[in-house]
């Protein structure tokens, strides 16, 4: 992870650890804005933005607002893994339907869909790997859709029973 992204996620996690309610409220204020940017967010986001990369600013504001709404973090997995954990906790068709909608979403639709998704994860106390989400959003529009495929693999992967055959025909 680039140092700027790492420092940003550490800053967000520090706000949550210190229970800085004012800062978290300032970041949440972006959730009600069409472009997810509200003036109170700037002190917590702008210092981490690349002065040359304005086209990437959207992901920092989006992750900051979403994090402030659900600061429960994990250091592993991706959003597919979080939805898999949700499905194991509370199997529901709506969770899978929201996940599928995310996988096929255009970047412009991500803020609303991610807001709903994070709200669902929050309601079931499922943590999110915020650093990975920030990285994944950078490549969302890649023509190979490798982020979406990675999320799908994490969500739909099967747990093989003990002693089941592996892909090469042997046992585990």
Protein backbone atom coordinates (compact mmCIF):
# COMPACT_ATOMS: atom_id res chain seq x y z
CA UNK A 1 0.00 0.00 0.00
CA UNK A 2 1.38 3.43 -0.85
CA UNK A 3 2.50 5.34 2.26
CA UNK A 4 -0.12 8.07 1.71
CA UNK A 5 -2.95 5.49 1.71
CA UNK A 6 -1.52 3.69 4.75
CA UNK A 7 -1.20 6.95 6.69
CA UNK A 8 -4.78 7.87 5.78
CA UNK A 9 -6.25 4.60 7.02
CA UNK A 10 -4.13 4.80 10.19
CA UNK A 11 -5.46 8.34 10.74
CA UNK A 12 -9.06 7.11 10.42
CA UNK A 13 -8.41 4.21 12.80
CA UNK A 14 -6.78 6.60 15.25
CA UNK A 15 -9.91 8.77 15.25
CA UNK A 16 -11.99 5.71 16.10
CA UNK A 17 -9.58 4.50 18.79
CA UNK A 18 -9.59 7.94 20.43
CA UNK A 19 -13.37 8.02 20.03
CA UNK A 20 -13.08 11.44 18.41
CA UNK A 21 -16.82 11.96 17.96
CA UNK A 22 -16.44 15.39 16.40
CA UNK A 23 -14.08 14.17 13.69
CA UNK A 24 -16.18 11.07 12.97
CA UNK A 25 -19.31 13.23 12.73
CA UNK A 26 -17.48 15.57 10.34
CA UNK A 27 -16.56 12.61 8.15
CA UNK A 28 -20.08 11.18 8.28
CA UNK A 29 -21.42 14.52 7.05
CA UNK A 30 -20.21 13.55 3.59
CA UNK A 31 -22.70 10.69 3.39
CA UNK A 32 -25.54 13.11 2.73
CA UNK A 33 -23.74 14.94 -0.05
CA UNK A 34 -24.11 13.98 -3.72
CA UNK A 35 -20.34 13.89 -4.25
CA UNK A 36 -19.60 12.74 -0.66
CA UNK A 37 -17.64 15.90 0.05
CA UNK A 38 -18.64 18.18 2.90
CA UNK A 39 -16.50 21.05 4.15
CA UNK A 40 -16.08 19.57 7.67
CA UNK A 41 -14.34 16.56 6.09
CA UNK A 42 -11.46 18.51 4.57
CA UNK A 43 -9.18 18.70 7.66
CA UNK A 44 -9.22 14.90 7.91
CA UNK A 45 -8.93 14.07 4.21
CA UNK A 46 -7.04 16.79 2.33
CA UNK A 47 -3.69 16.29 4.13
CA UNK A 48 -3.57 12.76 2.67
CA UNK A 49 -4.49 13.60 -0.92
CA UNK A 50 -1.96 13.54 -3.71
CA UNK A 51 -1.59 17.15 -4.92
CA UNK A 52 -1.16 15.81 -8.47
CA UNK A 53 -3.93 13.19 -8.40
CA UNK A 54 -7.28 14.98 -8.10
CA UNK A 55 -8.93 12.18 -10.06
CA UNK A 56 -8.37 9.90 -7.03
CA UNK A 57 -9.79 12.22 -4.37
CA UNK A 58 -13.23 10.62 -4.57
CA UNK A 59 -12.05 7.35 -3.02
CA UNK A 60 -10.55 9.05 0.02
CA UNK A 61 -13.74 10.99 0.72
CA UNK A 62 -15.88 7.89 0.14
CA UNK A 63 -13.81 5.66 2.43
CA UNK A 64 -13.64 8.38 5.10
CA UNK A 65 -17.41 8.83 5.16
CA UNK A 66 -18.08 5.08 5.15
CA UNK A 67 -15.47 4.43 7.83
CA UNK A 68 -17.02 7.06 10.09
CA UNK A 69 -20.36 5.29 9.77
CA UNK A 70 -18.83 1.89 10.67
CA UNK A 71 -15.33 2.15 12.16
CA UNK A 72 -15.05 -1.55 12.92
CA UNK A 73 -11.89 -2.64 11.07
CA UNK A 74 -10.14 -5.81 10.13
CA UNK A 75 -6.65 -6.13 8.70
CA UNK A 76 -7.41 -8.94 6.30
CA UNK A 77 -9.69 -9.83 3.44
CA UNK A 78 -11.68 -7.66 1.08
CA UNK A 79 -15.31 -6.65 0.84
CA UNK A 80 -16.18 -10.05 -0.59
CA UNK A 81 -14.79 -11.63 2.56
CA UNK A 82 -16.83 -9.24 4.72
CA UNK A 83 -19.99 -10.20 2.84
CA UNK A 84 -19.08 -13.86 3.20
CA UNK A 85 -18.83 -13.35 6.97
CA UNK A 86 -22.18 -11.57 6.90
CA UNK A 87 -23.73 -14.46 4.99
CA UNK A 88 -22.37 -16.95 7.53
CA UNK A 89 -23.76 -14.86 10.41
CA UNK A 90 -27.15 -14.07 8.93
CA UNK A 91 -27.79 -15.84 5.64
CA UNK A 92 -30.10 -13.63 3.65
CA UNK A 93 -30.90 -13.17 0.01
CA UNK A 94 -30.76 -9.38 0.43
CA UNK A 95 -27.09 -9.53 1.47
CA UNK A 96 -26.14 -11.54 -1.59
CA UNK A 97 -28.29 -9.33 -3.82
CA UNK A 98 -26.53 -6.20 -2.53
CA UNK A 99 -23.19 -7.87 -3.05
CA UNK A 100 -24.05 -8.79 -6.64
CA UNK A 101 -25.22 -5.23 -7.27
CA UNK A 102 -21.83 -4.01 -6.04
CA UNK A 103 -19.95 -6.38 -8.34
CA UNK A 104 -21.74 -5.03 -11.40
CA UNK A 105 -21.79 -1.37 -10.32
CA UNK A 106 -20.48 1.49 -12.37
CA UNK A 107 -18.09 3.68 -10.41
CA UNK A 108 -20.65 6.49 -10.29
CA UNK A 109 -23.09 4.19 -8.47
CA UNK A 110 -20.58 2.96 -5.89
CA UNK A 111 -21.16 5.64 -3.22
CA UNK A 112 -24.83 4.77 -2.77
CA UNK A 113 -24.33 1.02 -3.07
CA UNK A 114 -21.36 1.01 -0.69
CA UNK A 115 -23.31 3.12 1.80
CA UNK A 116 -26.06 0.48 1.82
CA UNK A 117 -23.54 -2.35 1.95
CA UNK A 118 -21.60 -0.86 4.86
CA UNK A 119 -24.87 -0.19 6.67
CA UNK A 120 -25.77 -3.85 6.31
CA UNK A 121 -22.33 -4.94 7.55
CA UNK A 122 -22.60 -2.50 10.48
CA UNK A 123 -26.00 -3.89 11.47
CA UNK A 124 -24.42 -7.33 11.88
CA UNK A 125 -21.12 -6.15 13.42
CA UNK A 126 -19.06 -7.38 10.46
CA UNK A 127 -15.75 -5.49 10.17
CA UNK A 128 -14.34 -4.06 6.95
CA UNK A 129 -10.76 -3.97 5.73
CA UNK A 130 -10.73 -0.24 5.01
CA UNK A 131 -7.18 -0.21 3.66
CA UNK A 132 -8.07 -2.89 1.12
CA UNK A 133 -11.26 -1.09 0.14
CA UNK A 134 -9.27 2.09 -0.52
CA UNK A 135 -6.85 0.11 -2.71
CA UNK A 136 -9.65 -1.73 -4.51
CA UNK A 137 -11.48 1.48 -5.38
CA UNK A 138 -8.36 2.73 -7.17
CA UNK A 139 -8.69 -0.13 -9.69
CA UNK A 140 -12.48 -0.37 -9.84
CA UNK A 141 -12.65 0.70 -13.49
CA UNK A 142 -9.89 -1.63 -14.69
CA UNK A 143 -11.06 -3.39 -17.88
CA UNK A 144 -10.15 -6.83 -16.48
CA UNK A 145 -12.39 -6.20 -13.44
CA UNK A 146 -9.86 -8.01 -11.29
CA UNK A 147 -11.14 -6.31 -8.13
CA UNK A 148 -14.67 -7.51 -8.74
CA UNK A 149 -13.43 -11.03 -9.57
CA UNK A 150 -11.33 -11.12 -6.38
CA UNK A 151 -14.33 -10.04 -4.30
CA UNK A 152 -16.48 -12.72 -5.97
CA UNK A 153 -13.87 -15.42 -5.26
CA UNK A 154 -13.73 -14.35 -1.63
CA UNK A 155 -17.51 -14.41 -1.27
CA UNK A 156 -18.28 -17.62 -3.15
CA UNK A 157 -15.26 -19.72 -2.22
CA UNK A 158 -16.14 -23.16 -0.92
CA UNK A 159 -14.73 -24.63 2.22
CA UNK A 160 -13.63 -28.16 1.38
CA UNK A 161 -14.36 -30.76 4.01
CA UNK A 162 -11.40 -32.41 5.70
CA UNK A 163 -9.85 -34.99 3.36
CA UNK A 164 -11.66 -33.74 0.25
CA UNK A 165 -9.84 -33.96 -3.06
CA UNK A 166 -7.90 -30.91 -4.17
CA UNK A 167 -7.91 -29.53 -7.69
CA UNK A 168 -4.96 -31.70 -8.72
CA UNK A 169 -6.77 -34.88 -7.70
CA UNK A 170 -4.94 -35.49 -4.43
CA UNK A 171 -6.10 -34.92 -0.88
CA UNK A 172 -5.43 -31.80 1.11
